[in-house]
Every structure is written in C-alpha cells, then in structure tokens.
Amino acid sequence: MTIAVNGRVDTVTAPELEAGLKFGDATCVVIDLANVPYMSSAGLRLLLSAHKTMLGKGGELQIANVQESVREVLDITGFSDILNLV
C-alpha cells in the first residue's frame, strides 16, 4: 500500500493526515513524501507512530522520495536511523 502525502506536514495538517492513515491488513506500507517540502515535529511524531503501528502488527513501514529539506530534519533528529528510508 502506498500513501502519497502532499504539502507541509505540521501541527495544522498532521492530525488530518493521521486520521486518514488506515493500514488495514497491509503488511508493507510506503509513505511517499515526494511532495512534502517541510515537516515539523508533529510530522515526525506521526511517522514514528505509523512505524510503531506497523511493527506491532509484524509489518513494515517505508518512507520514500524524501526531499532534501525533510531528509535533513530526519538526519538531525536521528529518525533516519529508525525509519526505513527508501
């Protein structure tokens, strides 16, 4: 299952995105960030929560097409060591 995210992921938009994340029976979920130029700590929490959800059900979460500005945030915070960036 692939979920394409568009626009900024911040304190305003993260709750809406989180409400829309429905993994169902998927064993592998790819979150495509190709169109995400900015991610705040609210977005980081959302990715970590999704990662834990998938691990809890024996699945895998992959984060794809991360823009350089978002990758820098993931690197600085150590999230790039936790999440599976593809």
C-alpha atoms as a PDB file:
ATOM      1  CA  MET A   1       0.000   0.000   0.000  1.00  0.00           C
ATOM      2  CA  THR A   2       1.350   3.432  -0.932  1.00  0.00           C
ATOM      3  CA  ILE A   3       0.191   6.653   0.677  1.00  0.00           C
ATOM      4  CA  ALA A   4       1.197   9.834  -1.167  1.00  0.00           C
ATOM      5  CA  VAL A   5       1.389  12.934   1.012  1.00  0.00           C
ATOM      6  CA  ASN A   6       1.145  16.432  -0.466  1.00  0.00           C
ATOM      7  CA  GLY A   7       2.163  19.717   1.138  1.00  0.00           C
ATOM      8  CA  ARG A   8       3.581  20.660   4.502  1.00  0.00           C
ATOM      9  CA  VAL A   9       3.211  18.284   7.426  1.00  0.00           C
ATOM     10  CA  ASP A  10       2.996  20.425  10.546  1.00  0.00           C
ATOM     11  CA  THR A  11       0.837  20.933  13.640  1.00  0.00           C
ATOM     12  CA  VAL A  12      -2.080  22.072  11.477  1.00  0.00           C
ATOM     13  CA  THR A  13      -2.012  19.286   8.889  1.00  0.00           C
ATOM     14  CA  ALA A  14      -0.601  16.307  10.833  1.00  0.00           C
ATOM     15  CA  PRO A  15      -3.852  15.492  12.707  1.00  0.00           C
ATOM     16  CA  GLU A  16      -5.777  15.340   9.428  1.00  0.00           C
ATOM     17  CA  LEU A  17      -3.124  13.119   7.865  1.00  0.00           C
ATOM     18  CA  GLU A  18      -3.043  10.858  10.915  1.00  0.00           C
ATOM     19  CA  ALA A  19      -6.817  10.458  10.807  1.00  0.00           C
ATOM     20  CA  GLY A  20      -6.539   9.366   7.182  1.00  0.00           C
ATOM     21  CA  LEU A  21      -3.837   6.751   7.773  1.00  0.00           C
ATOM     22  CA  LYS A  22      -5.653   3.439   7.609  1.00  0.00           C
ATOM     23  CA  PHE A  23      -3.320   0.485   7.201  1.00  0.00           C
ATOM     24  CA  GLY A  24      -5.898  -2.296   7.291  1.00  0.00           C
ATOM     25  CA  ASP A  25      -4.291  -5.677   6.688  1.00  0.00           C
ATOM     26  CA  ALA A  26      -1.330  -4.263   4.747  1.00  0.00           C
ATOM     27  CA  THR A  27       1.999  -5.851   5.646  1.00  0.00           C
ATOM     28  CA  CYS A  28       4.050  -3.158   3.912  1.00  0.00           C
ATOM     29  CA  VAL A  29       3.092   0.499   3.775  1.00  0.00           C
ATOM     30  CA  VAL A  30       5.054   3.066   1.778  1.00  0.00           C
ATOM     31  CA  ILE A  31       4.584   6.721   2.680  1.00  0.00           C
ATOM     32  CA  ASP A  32       5.623   8.780  -0.348  1.00  0.00           C
ATOM     33  CA  LEU A  33       6.942  12.211   0.666  1.00  0.00           C
ATOM     34  CA  ALA A  34       7.897  13.418  -2.833  1.00  0.00           C
ATOM     35  CA  ASN A  35       5.544  16.396  -2.492  1.00  0.00           C
ATOM     36  CA  VAL A  36       6.365  17.287   1.129  1.00  0.00           C
ATOM     37  CA  PRO A  37       8.729  20.282   1.297  1.00  0.00           C
ATOM     38  CA  TYR A  38       8.501  20.730   5.087  1.00  0.00           C
ATOM     39  CA  MET A  39       7.903  18.531   8.129  1.00  0.00           C
ATOM     40  CA  SER A  40       7.659  19.724  11.720  1.00  0.00           C
ATOM     41  CA  SER A  41       7.948  17.696  14.914  1.00  0.00           C
ATOM     42  CA  ALA A  42       4.241  16.863  14.561  1.00  0.00           C
ATOM     43  CA  GLY A  43       5.049  15.093  11.294  1.00  0.00           C
ATOM     44  CA  LEU A  44       7.954  13.270  12.905  1.00  0.00           C
ATOM     45  CA  ARG A  45       5.658  12.010  15.676  1.00  0.00           C
ATOM     46  CA  LEU A  46       3.196  10.834  13.042  1.00  0.00           C
ATOM     47  CA  LEU A  47       5.891   8.860  11.181  1.00  0.00           C
ATOM     48  CA  LEU A  48       7.146   7.302  14.405  1.00  0.00           C
ATOM     49  CA  SER A  49       3.611   6.331  15.406  1.00  0.00           C
ATOM     50  CA  ALA A  50       2.981   4.771  11.995  1.00  0.00           C
ATOM     51  CA  HIS A  51       6.298   2.912  12.244  1.00  0.00           C
ATOM     52  CA  LYS A  52       5.365   1.507  15.664  1.00  0.00           C
ATOM     53  CA  THR A  53       1.902   0.538  14.421  1.00  0.00           C
ATOM     54  CA  MET A  54       3.338  -1.425  11.525  1.00  0.00           C
ATOM     55  CA  LEU A  55       5.982  -3.104  13.692  1.00  0.00           C
ATOM     56  CA  GLY A  56       3.283  -4.063  16.189  1.00  0.00           C
ATOM     57  CA  LYS A  57       1.396  -5.960  13.504  1.00  0.00           C
ATOM     58  CA  GLY A  58       4.520  -7.585  12.089  1.00  0.00           C
ATOM     59  CA  GLY A  59       4.623  -5.294   9.067  1.00  0.00           C
ATOM     60  CA  GLU A  60       6.990  -2.755   7.616  1.00  0.00           C
ATOM     61  CA  LEU A  61       6.794   0.985   7.009  1.00  0.00           C
ATOM     62  CA  GLN A  62       8.899   2.523   4.258  1.00  0.00           C
ATOM     63  CA  ILE A  63       9.397   6.244   3.712  1.00  0.00           C
ATOM     64  CA  ALA A  64      10.011   7.048   0.026  1.00  0.00           C
ATOM     65  CA  ASN A  65      11.088  10.036  -2.057  1.00  0.00           C
ATOM     66  CA  VAL A  66      12.146  12.241   0.839  1.00  0.00           C
ATOM     67  CA  GLN A  67      13.035  15.776  -0.238  1.00  0.00           C
ATOM     68  CA  GLU A  68      16.401  17.121   0.912  1.00  0.00           C
ATOM     69  CA  SER A  69      14.882  19.618   3.376  1.00  0.00           C
ATOM     70  CA  VAL A  70      12.882  16.871   5.099  1.00  0.00           C
ATOM     71  CA  ARG A  71      15.818  14.427   4.977  1.00  0.00           C
ATOM     72  CA  GLU A  72      17.951  16.964   6.861  1.00  0.00           C
ATOM     73  CA  VAL A  73      15.348  17.056   9.644  1.00  0.00           C
ATOM     74  CA  LEU A  74      15.223  13.250   9.741  1.00  0.00           C
ATOM     75  CA  ASP A  75      19.027  13.074   9.889  1.00  0.00           C
ATOM     76  CA  ILE A  76      19.416  15.739  12.590  1.00  0.00           C
ATOM     77  CA  THR A  77      16.773  14.144  14.815  1.00  0.00           C
ATOM     78  CA  GLY A  78      18.078  10.599  14.310  1.00  0.00           C
ATOM     79  CA  PHE A  79      14.834   9.473  12.684  1.00  0.00           C
ATOM     80  CA  SER A  80      16.720   8.395   9.562  1.00  0.00           C
ATOM     81  CA  ASP A  81      18.340   5.696  11.745  1.00  0.00           C
ATOM     82  CA  ILE A  82      14.941   4.489  12.996  1.00  0.00           C
ATOM     83  CA  LEU A  83      12.789   4.697   9.881  1.00  0.00           C
ATOM     84  CA  ASN A  84      13.284   2.735   6.687  1.00  0.00           C
ATOM     85  CA  LEU A  85      14.052   5.408   4.069  1.00  0.00           C
ATOM     86  CA  VAL A  86      13.925   4.064   0.521  1.00  0.00           C
END
